Amino acid sequence: MERVNITIGPLSFDHADYDADNDVLYLHVGEPQAGEGEETPEGHVIRYVPGTSHIVGLTVLGARRVLERDGRLSVTIPGTVETTAEQLAPALAAV
């Protein structure tokens, strides 16, 4: 788990772990914690503090593939926000 500073729309994450073999990016607010997951229309998973709307994590499936294909990554939270490969670079380097 690497400390990072990643902002996607109104969300800020300070921890990241990237599984390069499966192309899955895990972003966290603070250390990873239990949460309730909800799938986004894009197929990613947002994790909330149980019983609240406070976001504590985001799991991005196919992060590099999406960035290479589209040049940006979109996440609906409930509004759609986007980020670029440059903004995600520190997180994608977190192993």
C-alpha atoms as a PDB file:
ATOM      1  CA  MET A   1       0.000   0.000   0.000  1.00  0.00           C
ATOM      2  CA  GLU A   2       1.562   3.242  -1.168  1.00  0.00           C
ATOM      3  CA  ARG A   3       0.750   6.736   0.082  1.00  0.00           C
ATOM      4  CA  VAL A   4      -0.451   8.860  -2.822  1.00  0.00           C
ATOM      5  CA  ASN A   5      -2.482  11.980  -3.448  1.00  0.00           C
ATOM      6  CA  ILE A   6      -5.041  11.154  -6.133  1.00  0.00           C
ATOM      7  CA  THR A   7      -8.030  13.377  -6.855  1.00  0.00           C
ATOM      8  CA  ILE A   8     -10.887  12.237  -9.078  1.00  0.00           C
ATOM      9  CA  GLY A   9     -13.580  14.879  -9.294  1.00  0.00           C
ATOM     10  CA  PRO A  10     -14.529  15.763  -5.700  1.00  0.00           C
ATOM     11  CA  LEU A  11     -12.863  12.626  -4.274  1.00  0.00           C
ATOM     12  CA  SER A  12      -9.365  12.513  -2.789  1.00  0.00           C
ATOM     13  CA  PHE A  13      -7.582   9.257  -2.045  1.00  0.00           C
ATOM     14  CA  ASP A  14      -4.361   8.976  -0.055  1.00  0.00           C
ATOM     15  CA  HIS A  15      -3.542   5.261  -0.372  1.00  0.00           C
ATOM     16  CA  ALA A  16      -3.285   3.066  -3.449  1.00  0.00           C
ATOM     17  CA  ASP A  17      -2.444  -0.468  -4.392  1.00  0.00           C
ATOM     18  CA  TYR A  18      -2.232  -1.619  -7.996  1.00  0.00           C
ATOM     19  CA  ASP A  19      -2.506  -5.266  -9.019  1.00  0.00           C
ATOM     20  CA  ALA A  20      -0.713  -5.142 -12.378  1.00  0.00           C
ATOM     21  CA  ASP A  21      -1.328  -8.832 -13.145  1.00  0.00           C
ATOM     22  CA  ASN A  22      -5.111  -8.313 -13.030  1.00  0.00           C
ATOM     23  CA  ASP A  23      -5.118  -4.568 -13.905  1.00  0.00           C
ATOM     24  CA  VAL A  24      -7.056  -3.625 -10.769  1.00  0.00           C
ATOM     25  CA  LEU A  25      -6.428  -0.331  -8.972  1.00  0.00           C
ATOM     26  CA  TYR A  26      -7.487  -0.012  -5.333  1.00  0.00           C
ATOM     27  CA  LEU A  27      -7.793   3.556  -4.027  1.00  0.00           C
ATOM     28  CA  HIS A  28      -8.466   4.263  -0.348  1.00  0.00           C
ATOM     29  CA  VAL A  29      -9.140   7.152   1.981  1.00  0.00           C
ATOM     30  CA  GLY A  30      -6.839   6.308   4.884  1.00  0.00           C
ATOM     31  CA  GLU A  31      -5.961   2.682   5.524  1.00  0.00           C
ATOM     32  CA  PRO A  32      -8.282   0.140   3.889  1.00  0.00           C
ATOM     33  CA  GLN A  33     -11.381  -0.486   5.961  1.00  0.00           C
ATOM     34  CA  ALA A  34     -14.577  -2.463   5.758  1.00  0.00           C
ATOM     35  CA  GLY A  35     -17.208  -0.850   3.606  1.00  0.00           C
ATOM     36  CA  GLU A  36     -20.354  -1.430   1.631  1.00  0.00           C
ATOM     37  CA  GLY A  37     -19.661  -1.708  -2.088  1.00  0.00           C
ATOM     38  CA  GLU A  38     -21.750  -0.398  -4.938  1.00  0.00           C
ATOM     39  CA  GLU A  39     -20.976  -1.031  -8.595  1.00  0.00           C
ATOM     40  CA  THR A  40     -20.844   1.997 -10.878  1.00  0.00           C
ATOM     41  CA  PRO A  41     -22.314   1.976 -14.403  1.00  0.00           C
ATOM     42  CA  GLU A  42     -18.703   1.698 -15.663  1.00  0.00           C
ATOM     43  CA  GLY A  43     -18.167  -1.539 -13.698  1.00  0.00           C
ATOM     44  CA  HIS A  44     -15.968  -0.112 -10.918  1.00  0.00           C
ATOM     45  CA  VAL A  45     -16.815  -0.452  -7.221  1.00  0.00           C
ATOM     46  CA  ILE A  46     -17.247   2.448  -4.786  1.00  0.00           C
ATOM     47  CA  ARG A  47     -16.962   1.574  -1.093  1.00  0.00           C
ATOM     48  CA  TYR A  48     -18.865   3.521   1.555  1.00  0.00           C
ATOM     49  CA  VAL A  49     -18.700   3.568   5.348  1.00  0.00           C
ATOM     50  CA  PRO A  50     -21.512   1.135   6.240  1.00  0.00           C
ATOM     51  CA  GLY A  51     -24.881   2.889   6.518  1.00  0.00           C
ATOM     52  CA  THR A  52     -23.568   6.221   5.163  1.00  0.00           C
ATOM     53  CA  SER A  53     -22.794   7.935   1.863  1.00  0.00           C
ATOM     54  CA  HIS A  54     -19.177   8.637   2.945  1.00  0.00           C
ATOM     55  CA  ILE A  55     -16.842   7.174   0.297  1.00  0.00           C
ATOM     56  CA  VAL A  56     -13.776   5.356   1.675  1.00  0.00           C
ATOM     57  CA  GLY A  57     -12.560   3.523  -1.413  1.00  0.00           C
ATOM     58  CA  LEU A  58     -12.743   2.927  -5.120  1.00  0.00           C
ATOM     59  CA  THR A  59     -11.782  -0.236  -6.987  1.00  0.00           C
ATOM     60  CA  VAL A  60     -11.066   0.438 -10.653  1.00  0.00           C
ATOM     61  CA  LEU A  61     -11.261  -2.631 -12.866  1.00  0.00           C
ATOM     62  CA  GLY A  62      -9.130  -2.529 -16.026  1.00  0.00           C
ATOM     63  CA  ALA A  63      -7.517   0.801 -15.071  1.00  0.00           C
ATOM     64  CA  ARG A  64      -4.615   0.757 -17.565  1.00  0.00           C
ATOM     65  CA  ARG A  65      -6.752  -0.821 -20.307  1.00  0.00           C
ATOM     66  CA  VAL A  66      -9.385   1.923 -19.993  1.00  0.00           C
ATOM     67  CA  LEU A  67      -6.770   4.701 -19.924  1.00  0.00           C
ATOM     68  CA  GLU A  68      -4.989   3.289 -22.983  1.00  0.00           C
ATOM     69  CA  ARG A  69      -8.272   2.839 -24.866  1.00  0.00           C
ATOM     70  CA  ASP A  70     -10.065   6.081 -23.887  1.00  0.00           C
ATOM     71  CA  GLY A  71      -7.293   8.370 -22.615  1.00  0.00           C
ATOM     72  CA  ARG A  72      -9.347   9.030 -19.466  1.00  0.00           C
ATOM     73  CA  LEU A  73     -11.235   7.159 -16.788  1.00  0.00           C
ATOM     74  CA  SER A  74     -14.847   7.952 -15.898  1.00  0.00           C
ATOM     75  CA  VAL A  75     -16.555   7.049 -12.629  1.00  0.00           C
ATOM     76  CA  THR A  76     -20.181   7.767 -11.725  1.00  0.00           C
ATOM     77  CA  ILE A  77     -20.431   8.754  -8.031  1.00  0.00           C
ATOM     78  CA  PRO A  78     -23.494   9.588  -8.563  1.00  0.00           C
ATOM     79  CA  GLY A  79     -22.474  12.266 -11.069  1.00  0.00           C
ATOM     80  CA  THR A  80     -19.802  11.317 -13.601  1.00  0.00           C
ATOM     81  CA  VAL A  81     -16.250  12.491 -12.902  1.00  0.00           C
ATOM     82  CA  GLU A  82     -13.128  11.894 -14.984  1.00  0.00           C
ATOM     83  CA  THR A  83      -9.394  11.677 -14.469  1.00  0.00           C
ATOM     84  CA  THR A  84      -6.395  11.250 -16.768  1.00  0.00           C
ATOM     85  CA  ALA A  85      -3.499   8.818 -16.989  1.00  0.00           C
ATOM     86  CA  GLU A  86      -1.190  11.570 -15.718  1.00  0.00           C
ATOM     87  CA  GLN A  87      -3.317  12.130 -12.618  1.00  0.00           C
ATOM     88  CA  LEU A  88      -3.458   8.361 -11.904  1.00  0.00           C
ATOM     89  CA  ALA A  89       0.234   7.692 -12.597  1.00  0.00           C
ATOM     90  CA  PRO A  90       1.298   7.702  -8.903  1.00  0.00           C
ATOM     91  CA  ALA A  91      -1.441   5.214  -8.022  1.00  0.00           C
ATOM     92  CA  LEU A  92      -0.680   2.913 -10.973  1.00  0.00           C
ATOM     93  CA  ALA A  93       2.932   2.797  -9.785  1.00  0.00           C
ATOM     94  CA  ALA A  94       1.837   1.669  -6.291  1.00  0.00           C
ATOM     95  CA  VAL A  95       2.633  -2.006  -5.874  1.00  0.00           C
END
